[in-house]
Amino acid sequence: MNRNIETFIGCECEYSEATTVVFGAPFDGTTSFRPGTRFASKVMRSESYGLESYSPYQDVDLYDLSIYDGGDLDIPFGNTTKALDMIEEYTAKVLNDGKTPLMIGGEHLVTLGAFKSIFNKYPDVHVIHFDAHTDLRDDYLGEKLSHASVIRRVWDLVGDNRIFQFGIRSGERDEFYWAKDHMYTNKFNLDNLDKVVEKIKDKPVYITIDLDVLDPSIFPGTGTPEAGGITFKELMNGILEFRKLNNIVGIDINELSPQYDTSGTSTAVACKVLREMLIVANK
C-alpha cells in the first residue's frame, strides 16, 4: 500500500533529490485586522489539483523539476518568538543541505524567521518585496515583532539600500518618509523592476511576495485588502522578470486568508503564483 499524502501539485520528489523545498508556516499570531492566514498552505495544497502543473508562461512543467513539499511546520499558538525560531531552524536545514527554500505563509512576519537563516548564509543578500503595505513601523502597539514591522526588522539585518519595495500604497506617513533615506520604494505599481533586477542580478536575492499587492478585485481573500493594487498580468510580468536573477536564495509567498473568498478565486490565484515562483526558483 502506498500512502496518499497531499502535496502541492508536482512537488512529490524525495527530499534527498530535491533542489527546492516548499513548506508551510501556518502562523498569524500578530495579525492586526482579519486573521486566517494560518489556513493558507493546507488549502492551497488541496486546491492546487485544479491547476495544471504546466506553465505556458515559462514553458516548464512542475513534474520536470525536483521539488519536495515538506508540509506544514507544527508551529505553536501564542508564542511568536518560538514560531520564528522554528521557521529559522527549518530554513537553515534546507539551506545547509544545498536546497532553495520556498515558504508559504502565514502572515508576513514569518518572513523574518526564514530571512534570518538566509542572512546568516548570504550576508550580502538583497531583498525584493512586493506588497500593498510598507511594513516599516519600528513597532506596532509596542510590539517589535509584527506583520506591520517585518521589513523594518529585515532592514535591521541588511541595512540601507538593500531592500527594494514595489506596489506599496499604504502605511503611516513616517514609514514613507523613513523609507526615502533607507531603501527603494516604488509606490503603486511594479515600474522600474527591470532596472532593479539588472542592478542586483548577480547578487544573492531573497524575494518576499505579500499577495495583497494585488488589487482586492482580483484577490479579496486576504486579511488587509487595500484598493488600488496591481493586476494579475502585472504580477506575472514581474515574476517573469525574476528569471533574469542569477542567484535567488529564498522565496516566500504570504497573506492568503482563504476563508474571506468563498468563491475560491483568491486561492486559485495564490496557487498559480506559487507554481510560477517554483519554476523561477528552478530556472
C-alpha atoms as a PDB file:
ATOM      1  CA  MET A   1       0.000   0.000   0.000  1.00  0.00           C
ATOM      2  CA  ASN A   2       1.226   3.495  -0.848  1.00  0.00           C
ATOM      3  CA  ARG A   3       0.480   6.364   1.496  1.00  0.00           C
ATOM      4  CA  ASN A   4      -1.714   9.060  -0.017  1.00  0.00           C
ATOM      5  CA  ILE A   5      -0.067  12.229   1.312  1.00  0.00           C
ATOM      6  CA  GLU A   6      -1.391  15.504  -0.070  1.00  0.00           C
ATOM      7  CA  THR A   7       1.307  17.747  -1.528  1.00  0.00           C
ATOM      8  CA  PHE A   8       1.185  20.781  -3.769  1.00  0.00           C
ATOM      9  CA  ILE A   9       0.754  19.569  -7.331  1.00  0.00           C
ATOM     10  CA  GLY A  10       4.033  18.490  -8.933  1.00  0.00           C
ATOM     11  CA  CYS A  11       6.048  18.664  -5.687  1.00  0.00           C
ATOM     12  CA  GLU A  12       6.388  14.977  -4.972  1.00  0.00           C
ATOM     13  CA  CYS A  13      10.075  14.067  -5.195  1.00  0.00           C
ATOM     14  CA  GLU A  14      12.115  12.807  -2.240  1.00  0.00           C
ATOM     15  CA  TYR A  15      13.923  15.325  -0.047  1.00  0.00           C
ATOM     16  CA  SER A  16      17.314  13.903  -0.933  1.00  0.00           C
ATOM     17  CA  GLU A  17      16.682  14.508  -4.649  1.00  0.00           C
ATOM     18  CA  ALA A  18      15.126  17.964  -4.339  1.00  0.00           C
ATOM     19  CA  THR A  19      16.661  21.220  -5.471  1.00  0.00           C
ATOM     20  CA  THR A  20      13.805  23.249  -3.958  1.00  0.00           C
ATOM     21  CA  VAL A  21      11.862  22.657  -0.735  1.00  0.00           C
ATOM     22  CA  VAL A  22       8.412  24.164  -0.297  1.00  0.00           C
ATOM     23  CA  PHE A  23       6.944  24.277   3.211  1.00  0.00           C
ATOM     24  CA  GLY A  24       4.130  25.968   5.096  1.00  0.00           C
ATOM     25  CA  ALA A  25       4.439  28.327   8.053  1.00  0.00           C
ATOM     26  CA  PRO A  26       0.840  28.457   9.372  1.00  0.00           C
ATOM     27  CA  PHE A  27       1.213  31.388  11.758  1.00  0.00           C
ATOM     28  CA  ASP A  28      -0.919  34.533  12.077  1.00  0.00           C
ATOM     29  CA  GLY A  29      -0.360  35.417  15.712  1.00  0.00           C
ATOM     30  CA  THR A  30       0.301  39.138  15.155  1.00  0.00           C
ATOM     31  CA  THR A  31      -2.403  39.786  12.560  1.00  0.00           C
ATOM     32  CA  SER A  32      -3.949  43.152  13.411  1.00  0.00           C
ATOM     33  CA  PHE A  33      -7.142  43.073  11.328  1.00  0.00           C
ATOM     34  CA  ARG A  34      -8.608  39.825   9.935  1.00  0.00           C
ATOM     35  CA  PRO A  35      -6.842  36.589  10.951  1.00  0.00           C
ATOM     36  CA  GLY A  36      -6.837  33.348   8.970  1.00  0.00           C
ATOM     37  CA  THR A  37      -3.583  33.146   7.002  1.00  0.00           C
ATOM     38  CA  ARG A  38      -2.596  30.078   9.017  1.00  0.00           C
ATOM     39  CA  PHE A  39      -5.019  28.091   6.849  1.00  0.00           C
ATOM     40  CA  ALA A  40      -3.445  29.120   3.526  1.00  0.00           C
ATOM     41  CA  SER A  41      -0.897  26.394   2.917  1.00  0.00           C
ATOM     42  CA  LYS A  42      -3.239  23.475   3.608  1.00  0.00           C
ATOM     43  CA  VAL A  43      -5.986  24.934   1.442  1.00  0.00           C
ATOM     44  CA  MET A  44      -3.520  25.680  -1.356  1.00  0.00           C
ATOM     45  CA  ARG A  45      -2.297  22.083  -1.419  1.00  0.00           C
ATOM     46  CA  SER A  46      -5.845  20.796  -1.762  1.00  0.00           C
ATOM     47  CA  GLU A  47      -6.894  23.347  -4.364  1.00  0.00           C
ATOM     48  CA  SER A  48      -3.704  23.004  -6.406  1.00  0.00           C
ATOM     49  CA  TYR A  49      -5.154  19.944  -8.131  1.00  0.00           C
ATOM     50  CA  GLY A  50      -7.490  22.264 -10.004  1.00  0.00           C
ATOM     51  CA  LEU A  51      -4.357  23.775 -11.538  1.00  0.00           C
ATOM     52  CA  GLU A  52      -2.268  22.369 -14.363  1.00  0.00           C
ATOM     53  CA  SER A  53       1.318  21.529 -13.432  1.00  0.00           C
ATOM     54  CA  TYR A  54       2.448  23.001 -16.768  1.00  0.00           C
ATOM     55  CA  SER A  55       3.128  26.733 -17.063  1.00  0.00           C
ATOM     56  CA  PRO A  56       2.537  28.181 -20.541  1.00  0.00           C
ATOM     57  CA  TYR A  57       4.138  31.399 -19.263  1.00  0.00           C
ATOM     58  CA  GLN A  58       7.514  29.711 -18.774  1.00  0.00           C
ATOM     59  CA  ASP A  59       7.104  26.513 -20.845  1.00  0.00           C
ATOM     60  CA  VAL A  60       8.008  24.332 -17.856  1.00  0.00           C
ATOM     61  CA  ASP A  61       6.111  21.567 -16.045  1.00  0.00           C
ATOM     62  CA  LEU A  62       6.487  21.158 -12.287  1.00  0.00           C
ATOM     63  CA  TYR A  63       6.852  17.402 -12.797  1.00  0.00           C
ATOM     64  CA  ASP A  64      10.040  18.073 -14.760  1.00  0.00           C
ATOM     65  CA  LEU A  65      11.574  19.675 -11.652  1.00  0.00           C
ATOM     66  CA  SER A  66      12.836  18.244  -8.366  1.00  0.00           C
ATOM     67  CA  ILE A  67      10.639  19.820  -5.684  1.00  0.00           C
ATOM     68  CA  TYR A  68       9.931  18.431  -2.226  1.00  0.00           C
ATOM     69  CA  ASP A  69       6.860  19.506  -0.261  1.00  0.00           C
ATOM     70  CA  GLY A  70       7.781  19.300   3.407  1.00  0.00           C
ATOM     71  CA  GLY A  71       4.255  20.019   4.615  1.00  0.00           C
ATOM     72  CA  ASP A  72       3.500  22.497   7.386  1.00  0.00           C
ATOM     73  CA  LEU A  73       5.671  23.278  10.370  1.00  0.00           C
ATOM     74  CA  ASP A  74       3.968  22.353  13.641  1.00  0.00           C
ATOM     75  CA  ILE A  75       4.001  25.912  14.962  1.00  0.00           C
ATOM     76  CA  PRO A  76       2.606  26.517  18.473  1.00  0.00           C
ATOM     77  CA  PHE A  77      -0.097  29.054  19.168  1.00  0.00           C
ATOM     78  CA  GLY A  78       0.673  32.117  21.266  1.00  0.00           C
ATOM     79  CA  ASN A  79       4.473  32.111  21.079  1.00  0.00           C
ATOM     80  CA  THR A  80       5.758  34.419  18.359  1.00  0.00           C
ATOM     81  CA  THR A  81       9.433  34.009  19.221  1.00  0.00           C
ATOM     82  CA  LYS A  82       9.249  30.223  19.157  1.00  0.00           C
ATOM     83  CA  ALA A  83       7.363  30.294  15.855  1.00  0.00           C
ATOM     84  CA  LEU A  84      10.081  32.421  14.260  1.00  0.00           C
ATOM     85  CA  ASP A  85      12.798  30.203  15.738  1.00  0.00           C
ATOM     86  CA  MET A  86      11.187  27.098  14.239  1.00  0.00           C
ATOM     87  CA  ILE A  87      10.964  28.722  10.823  1.00  0.00           C
ATOM     88  CA  GLU A  88      14.576  29.856  11.069  1.00  0.00           C
ATOM     89  CA  GLU A  89      15.761  26.382  12.066  1.00  0.00           C
ATOM     90  CA  TYR A  90      13.892  24.642   9.244  1.00  0.00           C
ATOM     91  CA  THR A  91      15.126  27.153   6.678  1.00  0.00           C
ATOM     92  CA  ALA A  92      18.705  26.720   7.895  1.00  0.00           C
ATOM     93  CA  LYS A  93      18.424  22.950   7.440  1.00  0.00           C
ATOM     94  CA  VAL A  94      17.201  23.388   3.869  1.00  0.00           C
ATOM     95  CA  LEU A  95      19.985  25.864   3.054  1.00  0.00           C
ATOM     96  CA  ASN A  96      22.696  23.737   4.639  1.00  0.00           C
ATOM     97  CA  ASP A  97      21.549  20.812   2.506  1.00  0.00           C
ATOM     98  CA  GLY A  98      22.123  22.890  -0.617  1.00  0.00           C
ATOM     99  CA  LYS A  99      18.467  23.466  -1.476  1.00  0.00           C
ATOM    100  CA  THR A 100      16.375  26.590  -2.077  1.00  0.00           C
ATOM    101  CA  PRO A 101      13.586  27.238   0.460  1.00  0.00           C
ATOM    102  CA  LEU A 102      10.174  28.466  -0.648  1.00  0.00           C
ATOM    103  CA  MET A 103       7.868  29.211   2.264  1.00  0.00           C
ATOM    104  CA  ILE A 104       4.089  29.586   2.195  1.00  0.00           C
ATOM    105  CA  GLY A 105       2.757  31.868   4.932  1.00  0.00           C
ATOM    106  CA  GLY A 106       1.062  32.676   7.160  1.00  0.00           C
ATOM    107  CA  GLU A 107       1.145  36.324   7.898  1.00  0.00           C
ATOM    108  CA  HIS A 108       4.064  38.397   6.688  1.00  0.00           C
ATOM    109  CA  LEU A 109       6.035  38.214   9.949  1.00  0.00           C
ATOM    110  CA  VAL A 110       7.024  34.645   9.033  1.00  0.00           C
ATOM    111  CA  THR A 111       9.447  36.178   6.527  1.00  0.00           C
ATOM    112  CA  LEU A 112      11.697  37.255   9.386  1.00  0.00           C
ATOM    113  CA  GLY A 113      12.266  33.697  10.592  1.00  0.00           C
ATOM    114  CA  ALA A 114      13.291  32.460   7.155  1.00  0.00           C
ATOM    115  CA  PHE A 115      15.287  35.564   6.355  1.00  0.00           C
ATOM    116  CA  LYS A 116      17.497  35.271   9.438  1.00  0.00           C
ATOM    117  CA  SER A 117      18.843  31.977   8.107  1.00  0.00           C
ATOM    118  CA  ILE A 118      19.201  33.427   4.623  1.00  0.00           C
ATOM    119  CA  PHE A 119      21.177  36.371   6.003  1.00  0.00           C
ATOM    120  CA  ASN A 120      23.431  34.116   8.066  1.00  0.00           C
ATOM    121  CA  LYS A 121      24.432  32.211   4.928  1.00  0.00           C
ATOM    122  CA  TYR A 122      24.351  35.128   2.479  1.00  0.00           C
ATOM    123  CA  PRO A 123      25.286  38.321   4.366  1.00  0.00           C
ATOM    124  CA  ASP A 124      25.327  40.319   1.113  1.00  0.00           C
ATOM    125  CA  VAL A 125      21.741  39.329   0.272  1.00  0.00           C
ATOM    126  CA  HIS A 126      19.374  41.858  -1.322  1.00  0.00           C
ATOM    127  CA  VAL A 127      15.583  41.799  -0.924  1.00  0.00           C
ATOM    128  CA  ILE A 128      12.767  42.335  -3.425  1.00  0.00           C
ATOM    129  CA  HIS A 129       9.483  42.993  -1.625  1.00  0.00           C
ATOM    130  CA  PHE A 130       6.036  43.056  -3.288  1.00  0.00           C
ATOM    131  CA  ASP A 131       3.292  44.378  -1.000  1.00  0.00           C
ATOM    132  CA  ALA A 132       0.450  46.838  -0.560  1.00  0.00           C
ATOM    133  CA  HIS A 133       1.920  47.912   2.782  1.00  0.00           C
ATOM    134  CA  THR A 134       5.275  49.367   3.776  1.00  0.00           C
ATOM    135  CA  ASP A 135       5.640  47.073   6.863  1.00  0.00           C
ATOM    136  CA  LEU A 136       8.233  49.543   8.163  1.00  0.00           C
ATOM    137  CA  ARG A 137       6.930  50.547  11.586  1.00  0.00           C
ATOM    138  CA  ASP A 138       9.554  50.202  14.270  1.00  0.00           C
ATOM    139  CA  ASP A 139       6.826  48.660  16.404  1.00  0.00           C
ATOM    140  CA  TYR A 140       3.083  48.115  16.286  1.00  0.00           C
ATOM    141  CA  LEU A 141       1.269  48.807  19.559  1.00  0.00           C
ATOM    142  CA  GLY A 142       4.583  48.398  21.324  1.00  0.00           C
ATOM    143  CA  GLU A 143       5.490  45.088  19.671  1.00  0.00           C
ATOM    144  CA  LYS A 144       8.708  44.941  17.645  1.00  0.00           C
ATOM    145  CA  LEU A 145       7.736  41.583  16.151  1.00  0.00           C
ATOM    146  CA  SER A 146       4.697  42.269  13.992  1.00  0.00           C
ATOM    147  CA  HIS A 147       3.494  41.792  10.449  1.00  0.00           C
ATOM    148  CA  ALA A 148       3.453  45.611  10.340  1.00  0.00           C
ATOM    149  CA  SER A 149       7.167  45.843  11.190  1.00  0.00           C
ATOM    150  CA  VAL A 150       8.625  42.810   9.409  1.00  0.00           C
ATOM    151  CA  ILE A 151      10.508  44.691   6.697  1.00  0.00           C
ATOM    152  CA  ARG A 152      11.904  47.070   9.332  1.00  0.00           C
ATOM    153  CA  ARG A 153      13.281  44.002  11.146  1.00  0.00           C
ATOM    154  CA  VAL A 154      14.764  42.768   7.871  1.00  0.00           C
ATOM    155  CA  TRP A 155      16.380  46.195   7.461  1.00  0.00           C
ATOM    156  CA  ASP A 156      17.883  45.818  10.952  1.00  0.00           C
ATOM    157  CA  LEU A 157      19.896  42.950   9.442  1.00  0.00           C
ATOM    158  CA  VAL A 158      20.818  44.189   5.963  1.00  0.00           C
ATOM    159  CA  GLY A 159      20.934  47.972   6.433  1.00  0.00           C
ATOM    160  CA  ASP A 160      20.484  50.678   3.827  1.00  0.00           C
ATOM    161  CA  ASN A 161      19.963  50.305   0.085  1.00  0.00           C
ATOM    162  CA  ARG A 162      19.476  46.536   0.056  1.00  0.00           C
ATOM    163  CA  ILE A 163      15.656  46.396   0.111  1.00  0.00           C
ATOM    164  CA  PHE A 164      13.536  47.165  -2.967  1.00  0.00           C
ATOM    165  CA  GLN A 165       9.799  47.571  -2.420  1.00  0.00           C
ATOM    166  CA  PHE A 166       7.125  47.533  -5.127  1.00  0.00           C
ATOM    167  CA  GLY A 167       3.367  48.061  -5.213  1.00  0.00           C
ATOM    168  CA  ILE A 168       3.354  49.968  -1.921  1.00  0.00           C
ATOM    169  CA  ARG A 169       0.236  52.047  -1.376  1.00  0.00           C
ATOM    170  CA  SER A 170      -0.433  52.004   2.366  1.00  0.00           C
ATOM    171  CA  GLY A 171       1.411  52.885   5.569  1.00  0.00           C
ATOM    172  CA  GLU A 172       1.955  55.636   8.093  1.00  0.00           C
ATOM    173  CA  ARG A 173       3.419  58.882   6.805  1.00  0.00           C
ATOM    174  CA  ASP A 174       6.526  58.344   8.931  1.00  0.00           C
ATOM    175  CA  GLU A 175       7.117  54.975   7.245  1.00  0.00           C
ATOM    176  CA  PHE A 176       7.149  56.531   3.786  1.00  0.00           C
ATOM    177  CA  TYR A 177       9.434  59.346   4.935  1.00  0.00           C
ATOM    178  CA  TRP A 178      11.789  56.926   6.701  1.00  0.00           C
ATOM    179  CA  ALA A 179      11.965  54.712   3.617  1.00  0.00           C
ATOM    180  CA  LYS A 180      13.253  57.596   1.474  1.00  0.00           C
ATOM    181  CA  ASP A 181      16.535  57.540   3.398  1.00  0.00           C
ATOM    182  CA  HIS A 182      16.977  53.787   3.767  1.00  0.00           C
ATOM    183  CA  MET A 183      15.592  51.807   0.811  1.00  0.00           C
ATOM    184  CA  TYR A 184      13.998  51.937  -2.614  1.00  0.00           C
ATOM    185  CA  THR A 185      10.200  52.194  -2.524  1.00  0.00           C
ATOM    186  CA  ASN A 186       8.207  52.122  -5.758  1.00  0.00           C
ATOM    187  CA  LYS A 187       4.683  53.203  -4.945  1.00  0.00           C
ATOM    188  CA  PHE A 188       1.511  51.804  -6.532  1.00  0.00           C
ATOM    189  CA  ASN A 189       2.998  49.548  -9.223  1.00  0.00           C
ATOM    190  CA  LEU A 190       5.974  47.481 -10.402  1.00  0.00           C
ATOM    191  CA  ASP A 191       7.543  50.182 -12.566  1.00  0.00           C
ATOM    192  CA  ASN A 192      11.348  50.064 -12.680  1.00  0.00           C
ATOM    193  CA  LEU A 193      11.508  46.451 -11.514  1.00  0.00           C
ATOM    194  CA  ASP A 194      13.532  45.670 -14.623  1.00  0.00           C
ATOM    195  CA  LYS A 195      16.140  48.277 -13.647  1.00  0.00           C
ATOM    196  CA  VAL A 196      16.408  46.895 -10.109  1.00  0.00           C
ATOM    197  CA  VAL A 197      16.729  43.331 -11.387  1.00  0.00           C
ATOM    198  CA  GLU A 198      19.514  44.400 -13.739  1.00  0.00           C
ATOM    199  CA  LYS A 199      21.292  46.172 -10.881  1.00  0.00           C
ATOM    200  CA  ILE A 200      21.264  43.208  -8.469  1.00  0.00           C
ATOM    201  CA  LYS A 201      21.033  40.246 -10.844  1.00  0.00           C
ATOM    202  CA  ASP A 202      24.381  38.786  -9.759  1.00  0.00           C
ATOM    203  CA  LYS A 203      23.779  39.305  -6.028  1.00  0.00           C
ATOM    204  CA  PRO A 204      22.071  36.814  -3.712  1.00  0.00           C
ATOM    205  CA  VAL A 205      18.391  37.819  -3.784  1.00  0.00           C
ATOM    206  CA  TYR A 206      15.525  36.968  -1.442  1.00  0.00           C
ATOM    207  CA  ILE A 207      12.003  37.536  -2.782  1.00  0.00           C
ATOM    208  CA  THR A 208       9.024  38.109  -0.493  1.00  0.00           C
ATOM    209  CA  ILE A 209       5.561  38.412  -2.058  1.00  0.00           C
ATOM    210  CA  ASP A 210       2.652  39.627   0.031  1.00  0.00           C
ATOM    211  CA  LEU A 211      -0.296  38.719  -2.160  1.00  0.00           C
ATOM    212  CA  ASP A 212      -2.229  41.799  -1.114  1.00  0.00           C
ATOM    213  CA  VAL A 213      -0.035  43.624  -3.619  1.00  0.00           C
ATOM    214  CA  LEU A 214      -2.815  42.519  -5.980  1.00  0.00           C
ATOM    215  CA  ASP A 215      -5.954  44.600  -6.208  1.00  0.00           C
ATOM    216  CA  PRO A 216      -8.728  43.173  -3.988  1.00  0.00           C
ATOM    217  CA  SER A 217     -10.967  42.882  -7.043  1.00  0.00           C
ATOM    218  CA  ILE A 218      -8.568  40.101  -8.073  1.00  0.00           C
ATOM    219  CA  PHE A 219      -7.512  38.901  -4.639  1.00  0.00           C
ATOM    220  CA  PRO A 220     -10.121  39.621  -1.944  1.00  0.00           C
ATOM    221  CA  GLY A 221      -9.064  36.685   0.235  1.00  0.00           C
ATOM    222  CA  THR A 222      -6.587  38.490   2.435  1.00  0.00           C
ATOM    223  CA  GLY A 223      -6.544  39.962   5.910  1.00  0.00           C
ATOM    224  CA  THR A 224      -5.891  43.578   4.973  1.00  0.00           C
ATOM    225  CA  PRO A 225      -7.262  44.281   1.478  1.00  0.00           C
ATOM    226  CA  GLU A 226      -6.086  47.573   0.022  1.00  0.00           C
ATOM    227  CA  ALA A 227      -7.709  49.166  -3.041  1.00  0.00           C
ATOM    228  CA  GLY A 228      -5.542  50.326  -5.917  1.00  0.00           C
ATOM    229  CA  GLY A 229      -3.406  47.226  -6.411  1.00  0.00           C
ATOM    230  CA  ILE A 230      -1.771  45.685  -9.438  1.00  0.00           C
ATOM    231  CA  THR A 231      -3.407  43.253 -11.845  1.00  0.00           C
ATOM    232  CA  PHE A 232      -2.553  39.578 -12.124  1.00  0.00           C
ATOM    233  CA  LYS A 233      -0.981  40.240 -15.531  1.00  0.00           C
ATOM    234  CA  GLU A 234       1.287  42.875 -13.986  1.00  0.00           C
ATOM    235  CA  LEU A 235       2.289  40.443 -11.260  1.00  0.00           C
ATOM    236  CA  MET A 236       3.050  37.751 -13.833  1.00  0.00           C
ATOM    237  CA  ASN A 237       5.230  40.172 -15.779  1.00  0.00           C
ATOM    238  CA  GLY A 238       7.097  40.871 -12.559  1.00  0.00           C
ATOM    239  CA  ILE A 239       7.553  37.165 -11.874  1.00  0.00           C
ATOM    240  CA  LEU A 240       8.932  36.641 -15.371  1.00  0.00           C
ATOM    241  CA  GLU A 241      11.382  39.475 -14.713  1.00  0.00           C
ATOM    242  CA  PHE A 242      12.738  37.423 -11.787  1.00  0.00           C
ATOM    243  CA  ARG A 243      14.013  34.888 -14.318  1.00  0.00           C
ATOM    244  CA  LYS A 244      16.851  37.306 -15.049  1.00  0.00           C
ATOM    245  CA  LEU A 245      18.165  36.976 -11.489  1.00  0.00           C
ATOM    246  CA  ASN A 246      21.151  34.653 -11.288  1.00  0.00           C
ATOM    247  CA  ASN A 247      21.148  33.816  -7.588  1.00  0.00           C
ATOM    248  CA  ILE A 248      17.717  33.556  -5.945  1.00  0.00           C
ATOM    249  CA  VAL A 249      18.466  32.181  -2.474  1.00  0.00           C
ATOM    250  CA  GLY A 250      14.971  32.081  -0.981  1.00  0.00           C
ATOM    251  CA  ILE A 251      11.336  32.977  -1.591  1.00  0.00           C
ATOM    252  CA  ASP A 252       8.172  33.382   0.414  1.00  0.00           C
ATOM    253  CA  ILE A 253       4.544  33.942  -0.558  1.00  0.00           C
ATOM    254  CA  ASN A 254       2.176  35.060   2.169  1.00  0.00           C
ATOM    255  CA  GLU A 255      -1.094  36.641   3.331  1.00  0.00           C
ATOM    256  CA  LEU A 256      -3.725  34.441   1.678  1.00  0.00           C
ATOM    257  CA  SER A 257      -6.714  34.120   4.015  1.00  0.00           C
ATOM    258  CA  PRO A 258      -8.864  31.675   2.041  1.00  0.00           C
ATOM    259  CA  GLN A 259     -11.986  31.931   4.180  1.00  0.00           C
ATOM    260  CA  TYR A 260     -12.581  35.554   3.094  1.00  0.00           C
ATOM    261  CA  ASP A 261     -13.143  34.468  -0.505  1.00  0.00           C
ATOM    262  CA  THR A 262     -15.647  31.639  -0.582  1.00  0.00           C
ATOM    263  CA  SER A 263     -15.509  31.552  -4.388  1.00  0.00           C
ATOM    264  CA  GLY A 264     -12.007  30.073  -4.134  1.00  0.00           C
ATOM    265  CA  THR A 265     -10.667  32.599  -6.625  1.00  0.00           C
ATOM    266  CA  SER A 266      -8.040  34.016  -4.274  1.00  0.00           C
ATOM    267  CA  THR A 267      -6.728  30.548  -3.501  1.00  0.00           C
ATOM    268  CA  ALA A 268      -6.560  29.740  -7.213  1.00  0.00           C
ATOM    269  CA  VAL A 269      -4.566  32.928  -7.773  1.00  0.00           C
ATOM    270  CA  ALA A 270      -2.215  32.097  -4.908  1.00  0.00           C
ATOM    271  CA  CYS A 271      -1.661  28.587  -6.288  1.00  0.00           C
ATOM    272  CA  LYS A 272      -0.790  29.955  -9.704  1.00  0.00           C
ATOM    273  CA  VAL A 273       1.676  32.424  -8.199  1.00  0.00           C
ATOM    274  CA  LEU A 274       3.278  29.581  -6.252  1.00  0.00           C
ATOM    275  CA  ARG A 275       3.553  27.423  -9.381  1.00  0.00           C
ATOM    276  CA  GLU A 276       5.281  30.198 -11.280  1.00  0.00           C
ATOM    277  CA  MET A 277       7.644  31.025  -8.403  1.00  0.00           C
ATOM    278  CA  LEU A 278       8.608  27.356  -8.012  1.00  0.00           C
ATOM    279  CA  ILE A 279       9.602  27.383 -11.661  1.00  0.00           C
ATOM    280  CA  VAL A 280      11.519  30.631 -11.242  1.00  0.00           C
ATOM    281  CA  ALA A 281      13.392  29.103  -8.301  1.00  0.00           C
ATOM    282  CA  ASN A 282      14.441  26.191 -10.506  1.00  0.00           C
ATOM    283  CA  LYS A 283      15.263  28.023 -13.732  1.00  0.00           C
END
